[in-house]
Amino acid sequence: MRNQIKRLFKVIIAHAVGLIGKTNFGGYVFEQVLNIAMKANQLVKHGQTQLLFAVPNQLNRYRAESFSTKEPETLEWLDCLPLNSVLWDIGANVGLYSCYAAKVRNCQVFAFEPSVFNLELLARNIYLNGLTDKIAIIPLPLSDHQAFSTLNMTSMEWGGALSTFGQDYGWDGLKMQKVFQFQTLGLSVDDASQLLCIPQPNYVKIDVDGIEHLILKGGETVLKKVDGVLIEINDDFLAQVEQSNKILLDAGLVLKTKCHSEMFDTPDSFGRGKVWNQIWHRECR
């Protein structure tokens, strides 16, 4: 019932915007509303750390409000990174974890995020937190080889997720419901290191909702030199599980733990109870 009311409300708003927006005054009002929304910020406190994030919509407010509870294992992993590490954040979204790593551990972060809807907020969040010299944005998707293909998206919201490059399946291995797509150049992890001369990472975080195993496949050279990897894996997506495990083990890494927040075990988690953040590390050389 609630979803039906929301859909009806969206239809009414869209119709009203279409009518009012045709007038000069209406256009001016909408422009001011949009500008105000894009300037809305929210302070996030986690332990002794404070961060400021842009919150132009409900999704980003949720991301800010759930910062400490949605992926506590990710924050704990970042807390343990050695100071001044090089971190590749693959699937950076709007940069919450990139900003945290740069601020708390003084990491040099390379934030890979291809979504045209997320890039502005990623840049805003980096700037808001005074981290321009610590975080570099790489606006290209990663996969297992270099190619032009489409970034297929299930959302056009600022801060949206569940996108896939070059494939038609999503986080669960099932065919995704696309609402938007565009063609762009994709690279492998090894390409990014060799062709773009991006520094070898000490640590890699991968959360791209579906093609994690393909990204690992394209980074076998880089992975042999990293000290640790945090990667989101869906236990029900068997091809993803098997291929990811093999590549990481072949790279000399060992699975330390896998965990997720309690909120993923609730009926409201949309079936994501089998999705885990796996933490891999290299034992003493």
Protein backbone atom coordinates (compact mmCIF):
# COMPACT_ATOMS: atom_id res chain seq x y z
CA MET A 1 0.00 0.00 0.00
CA ARG A 2 2.79 2.40 0.92
CA ASN A 3 4.60 1.76 -2.40
CA GLN A 4 1.38 2.39 -4.32
CA ILE A 5 0.93 5.72 -2.55
CA LYS A 6 4.53 6.65 -3.33
CA ARG A 7 4.07 5.80 -7.01
CA LEU A 8 0.87 7.84 -7.17
CA PHE A 9 2.59 10.75 -5.46
CA LYS A 10 5.46 10.62 -7.97
CA VAL A 11 3.01 10.67 -10.88
CA ILE A 12 1.20 13.69 -9.42
CA ILE A 13 4.49 15.53 -8.85
CA ALA A 14 5.74 14.73 -12.35
CA HIS A 15 2.51 16.03 -13.86
CA ALA A 16 2.64 19.21 -11.77
CA VAL A 17 6.29 19.81 -12.63
CA GLY A 18 5.51 19.36 -16.31
CA LEU A 19 2.80 22.00 -16.18
CA ILE A 20 4.44 24.55 -13.87
CA GLY A 21 7.87 24.11 -15.42
CA LYS A 22 6.63 25.49 -18.71
CA THR A 23 6.32 28.96 -17.18
CA ASN A 24 9.30 31.26 -16.59
CA PHE A 25 8.46 31.60 -12.92
CA GLY A 26 8.02 27.85 -12.51
CA GLY A 27 11.35 27.20 -14.20
CA TYR A 28 13.03 29.67 -11.86
CA VAL A 29 11.46 28.02 -8.79
CA PHE A 30 12.60 24.54 -9.85
CA GLU A 31 16.09 25.82 -10.55
CA GLN A 32 16.34 27.30 -7.06
CA VAL A 33 14.99 24.13 -5.45
CA LEU A 34 17.58 22.07 -7.30
CA ASN A 35 20.40 24.39 -6.30
CA ILE A 36 19.32 24.30 -2.66
CA ALA A 37 19.08 20.49 -2.74
CA MET A 38 22.58 20.15 -4.17
CA LYS A 39 23.99 22.39 -1.43
CA ALA A 40 22.42 20.37 1.39
CA ASN A 41 25.07 18.73 3.58
CA GLN A 42 24.98 16.42 6.58
CA LEU A 43 27.62 16.00 9.27
CA VAL A 44 28.54 12.40 10.06
CA LYS A 45 30.35 11.42 13.25
CA HIS A 46 32.04 8.04 13.60
CA GLY A 47 34.18 7.65 16.69
CA GLN A 48 36.44 10.70 16.80
CA THR A 49 36.04 11.34 13.08
CA GLN A 50 33.74 13.90 11.50
CA LEU A 51 32.88 13.97 7.81
CA LEU A 52 30.58 16.18 5.76
CA PHE A 53 28.55 14.65 2.95
CA ALA A 54 26.26 16.09 0.29
CA VAL A 55 22.67 14.91 0.78
CA PRO A 56 20.53 16.16 -2.13
CA ASN A 57 18.02 13.32 -1.82
CA GLN A 58 16.64 10.68 0.53
CA LEU A 59 19.07 8.01 -0.66
CA ASN A 60 22.11 10.07 0.25
CA ARG A 61 20.59 11.07 3.58
CA TYR A 62 20.18 7.36 4.27
CA ARG A 63 23.80 6.72 3.32
CA ALA A 64 24.92 9.44 5.73
CA GLU A 65 22.62 8.35 8.57
CA SER A 66 23.61 4.67 8.26
CA PHE A 67 27.32 5.37 7.82
CA SER A 68 28.33 3.62 11.04
CA THR A 69 25.84 0.76 10.87
CA LYS A 70 25.47 -0.31 7.23
CA GLU A 71 28.98 -1.74 6.79
CA PRO A 72 30.75 -1.65 10.17
CA GLU A 73 33.15 -4.34 8.96
CA THR A 74 34.33 -2.05 6.15
CA LEU A 75 35.06 0.75 8.61
CA GLU A 76 36.90 -1.66 10.92
CA TRP A 77 38.97 -2.90 7.98
CA LEU A 78 39.84 0.65 6.96
CA ASP A 79 40.74 1.49 10.57
CA CYS A 80 43.40 -1.22 10.43
CA LEU A 81 45.12 -0.06 7.24
CA PRO A 82 48.67 1.16 7.79
CA LEU A 83 49.05 4.93 7.63
CA ASN A 84 49.79 6.37 4.17
CA SER A 85 48.66 3.21 2.34
CA VAL A 86 47.59 3.32 -1.30
CA LEU A 87 43.95 2.22 -1.56
CA TRP A 88 41.98 1.49 -4.72
CA ASP A 89 38.26 1.96 -4.01
CA ILE A 90 36.60 0.18 -6.94
CA GLY A 91 32.92 1.10 -7.03
CA ALA A 92 33.40 4.20 -4.89
CA ASN A 93 29.81 5.45 -5.36
CA VAL A 94 29.70 8.91 -3.72
CA GLY A 95 32.93 8.37 -1.81
CA LEU A 96 31.93 7.71 1.79
CA TYR A 97 34.62 5.10 2.36
CA SER A 98 37.19 6.86 0.18
CA CYS A 99 36.82 9.96 2.33
CA TYR A 100 37.00 7.98 5.55
CA ALA A 101 40.19 6.14 4.52
CA ALA A 102 41.86 9.35 3.37
CA LYS A 103 40.95 11.24 6.54
CA VAL A 104 41.51 8.55 9.18
CA ARG A 105 44.51 6.68 7.74
CA ASN A 106 45.94 9.37 5.45
CA CYS A 107 45.55 6.95 2.55
CA GLN A 108 46.22 7.96 -1.03
CA VAL A 109 42.93 6.83 -2.56
CA PHE A 110 42.08 6.14 -6.19
CA ALA A 111 38.28 6.16 -6.42
CA PHE A 112 36.93 4.26 -9.42
CA GLU A 113 33.34 5.31 -10.18
CA PRO A 114 31.83 5.40 -13.70
CA SER A 115 28.25 6.50 -12.89
CA VAL A 116 27.53 9.94 -14.35
CA PHE A 117 24.94 10.40 -11.59
CA ASN A 118 27.42 9.72 -8.78
CA LEU A 119 30.50 11.51 -10.02
CA GLU A 120 29.33 14.99 -9.06
CA LEU A 121 28.54 13.93 -5.50
CA LEU A 122 31.82 12.02 -5.26
CA ALA A 123 33.69 15.20 -6.24
CA ARG A 124 31.58 17.32 -3.88
CA ASN A 125 32.23 15.01 -0.93
CA ILE A 126 35.96 14.98 -1.56
CA TYR A 127 35.98 18.78 -1.70
CA LEU A 128 33.72 19.23 1.34
CA ASN A 129 36.16 17.24 3.44
CA GLY A 130 39.29 18.97 2.18
CA LEU A 131 40.65 15.78 0.61
CA THR A 132 41.34 16.92 -2.94
CA ASP A 133 45.05 16.18 -2.58
CA LYS A 134 44.39 12.69 -1.15
CA ILE A 135 41.70 11.25 -3.45
CA ALA A 136 41.87 10.96 -7.23
CA ILE A 137 38.71 10.14 -9.19
CA ILE A 138 39.00 7.59 -12.00
CA PRO A 139 35.67 7.89 -13.92
CA LEU A 140 36.04 4.59 -15.78
CA PRO A 141 34.58 1.14 -15.12
CA LEU A 142 36.81 -1.88 -14.56
CA SER A 143 36.31 -5.38 -15.93
CA ASP A 144 38.47 -8.26 -17.19
CA HIS A 145 39.77 -6.57 -20.36
CA GLN A 146 39.98 -3.25 -22.19
CA ALA A 147 36.91 -2.59 -24.34
CA PHE A 148 34.18 -0.14 -25.24
CA SER A 149 30.87 -1.36 -23.84
CA THR A 150 27.79 -0.11 -22.02
CA LEU A 151 27.37 0.77 -18.39
CA ASN A 152 23.94 -0.65 -17.58
CA MET A 153 22.14 1.05 -14.71
CA THR A 154 19.09 0.19 -12.61
CA SER A 155 18.84 3.67 -11.11
CA MET A 156 19.21 7.29 -12.20
CA GLU A 157 19.25 8.61 -8.64
CA TRP A 158 22.18 10.53 -7.21
CA GLY A 159 23.96 7.96 -5.10
CA GLY A 160 22.33 5.02 -6.85
CA ALA A 161 24.01 1.61 -7.09
CA LEU A 162 23.40 -1.76 -8.81
CA SER A 163 25.08 -0.93 -12.11
CA THR A 164 27.04 -3.35 -14.31
CA PHE A 165 29.59 -2.73 -17.06
CA GLY A 166 29.47 -4.90 -20.15
CA GLN A 167 27.08 -7.50 -18.71
CA ASP A 168 23.30 -7.82 -18.36
CA TYR A 169 23.23 -9.38 -14.89
CA GLY A 170 23.35 -7.76 -11.48
CA TRP A 171 24.45 -8.48 -7.91
CA ASP A 172 22.45 -11.72 -7.78
CA GLY A 173 23.62 -13.08 -11.15
CA LEU A 174 20.15 -12.59 -12.60
CA LYS A 175 19.15 -10.42 -15.55
CA MET A 176 19.00 -6.81 -14.44
CA GLN A 177 16.21 -4.33 -15.15
CA LYS A 178 17.96 -1.48 -16.97
CA VAL A 179 16.58 2.05 -16.79
CA PHE A 180 19.58 3.84 -18.32
CA GLN A 181 22.79 3.02 -20.18
CA PHE A 182 25.66 4.69 -21.97
CA GLN A 183 28.76 3.54 -23.79
CA THR A 184 32.19 4.10 -22.30
CA LEU A 185 35.68 2.67 -22.17
CA GLY A 186 36.37 -0.04 -19.64
CA LEU A 187 39.77 -1.20 -18.44
CA SER A 188 41.18 -4.07 -16.47
CA VAL A 189 42.90 -3.53 -13.13
CA ASP A 190 46.23 -4.40 -14.76
CA ASP A 191 45.50 -1.92 -17.59
CA ALA A 192 44.79 0.82 -15.04
CA SER A 193 48.12 0.16 -13.38
CA GLN A 194 50.21 -0.18 -16.55
CA LEU A 195 48.56 2.20 -19.02
CA LEU A 196 47.36 4.92 -16.66
CA CYS A 197 50.38 4.61 -14.35
CA ILE A 198 48.17 4.52 -11.26
CA PRO A 199 50.34 3.49 -8.30
CA GLN A 200 50.28 -0.13 -7.21
CA PRO A 201 47.71 -0.44 -4.40
CA ASN A 202 48.56 -1.81 -0.99
CA TYR A 203 44.86 -2.51 -0.47
CA VAL A 204 41.85 -2.91 -2.74
CA LYS A 205 38.18 -2.52 -1.91
CA ILE A 206 35.73 -3.86 -4.53
CA ASP A 207 31.96 -3.35 -4.42
CA VAL A 208 30.40 -3.18 -7.89
CA ASP A 209 27.25 -5.30 -7.46
CA GLY A 210 27.87 -8.21 -9.82
CA ILE A 211 31.12 -8.33 -11.79
CA GLU A 212 33.58 -8.51 -8.90
CA HIS A 213 34.96 -11.79 -10.28
CA LEU A 214 35.62 -10.23 -13.70
CA ILE A 215 37.48 -7.33 -12.12
CA LEU A 216 39.64 -9.79 -10.19
CA LYS A 217 40.30 -11.73 -13.40
CA GLY A 218 41.66 -8.57 -15.02
CA GLY A 219 43.97 -7.80 -12.10
CA GLU A 220 46.01 -10.94 -11.55
CA THR A 221 49.35 -9.09 -11.78
CA VAL A 222 48.33 -6.31 -9.40
CA LEU A 223 46.72 -8.71 -6.94
CA LYS A 224 49.96 -10.64 -6.46
CA LYS A 225 51.47 -7.52 -4.87
CA VAL A 226 48.62 -6.29 -2.64
CA ASP A 227 48.52 -6.80 1.11
CA GLY A 228 44.76 -7.09 1.41
CA VAL A 229 41.41 -7.06 -0.36
CA LEU A 230 37.89 -6.37 0.84
CA ILE A 231 35.35 -7.60 -1.68
CA GLU A 232 31.56 -8.00 -1.67
CA ILE A 233 30.53 -11.52 -2.70
CA ASN A 234 27.07 -13.10 -3.01
CA ASP A 235 27.19 -16.73 -1.83
CA ASP A 236 24.18 -17.54 -4.02
CA PHE A 237 26.02 -16.33 -7.16
CA LEU A 238 28.13 -19.46 -7.57
CA ALA A 239 30.15 -18.37 -10.61
CA GLN A 240 31.16 -15.23 -8.76
CA VAL A 241 32.10 -17.19 -5.63
CA GLU A 242 34.14 -19.88 -7.36
CA GLN A 243 36.04 -17.61 -9.73
CA SER A 244 36.76 -15.00 -7.07
CA ASN A 245 38.06 -17.56 -4.58
CA LYS A 246 40.37 -19.15 -7.14
CA ILE A 247 41.87 -15.85 -8.32
CA LEU A 248 42.46 -14.54 -4.80
CA LEU A 249 44.01 -17.82 -3.63
CA ASP A 250 46.23 -17.96 -6.73
CA ALA A 251 47.37 -14.41 -5.87
CA GLY A 252 48.63 -15.72 -2.54
CA LEU A 253 45.87 -14.22 -0.41
CA VAL A 254 44.04 -15.95 2.44
CA LEU A 255 40.41 -15.46 3.46
CA LYS A 256 40.46 -13.98 6.95
CA THR A 257 36.73 -13.49 7.53
CA LYS A 258 33.44 -12.63 5.91
CA CYS A 259 30.72 -10.63 7.56
CA HIS A 260 27.88 -8.20 7.10
CA SER A 261 25.67 -5.96 9.17
CA GLU A 262 22.68 -7.41 11.00
CA MET A 263 20.43 -5.30 8.79
CA PHE A 264 21.18 -7.69 5.91
CA ASP A 265 19.45 -10.50 7.82
CA THR A 266 16.11 -8.71 8.08
CA PRO A 267 13.05 -9.17 5.81
CA ASP A 268 13.67 -5.64 4.47
CA SER A 269 17.10 -6.53 3.05
CA PHE A 270 15.64 -7.59 -0.34
CA GLY A 271 17.27 -11.02 -0.26
CA ARG A 272 20.80 -9.75 0.43
CA GLY A 273 21.33 -12.01 3.44
CA LYS A 274 23.83 -14.11 1.45
CA VAL A 275 25.90 -11.07 0.45
CA TRP A 276 29.08 -10.73 2.49
CA ASN A 277 32.10 -8.50 2.67
CA GLN A 278 35.00 -10.92 2.42
CA ILE A 279 38.31 -9.78 3.88
CA TRP A 280 41.43 -11.33 2.36
CA HIS A 281 44.97 -10.70 3.51
CA ARG A 282 48.48 -11.75 2.68
CA GLU A 283 50.24 -13.66 5.41
CA CYS A 284 53.79 -12.71 6.36
CA ARG A 285 56.01 -12.93 3.32
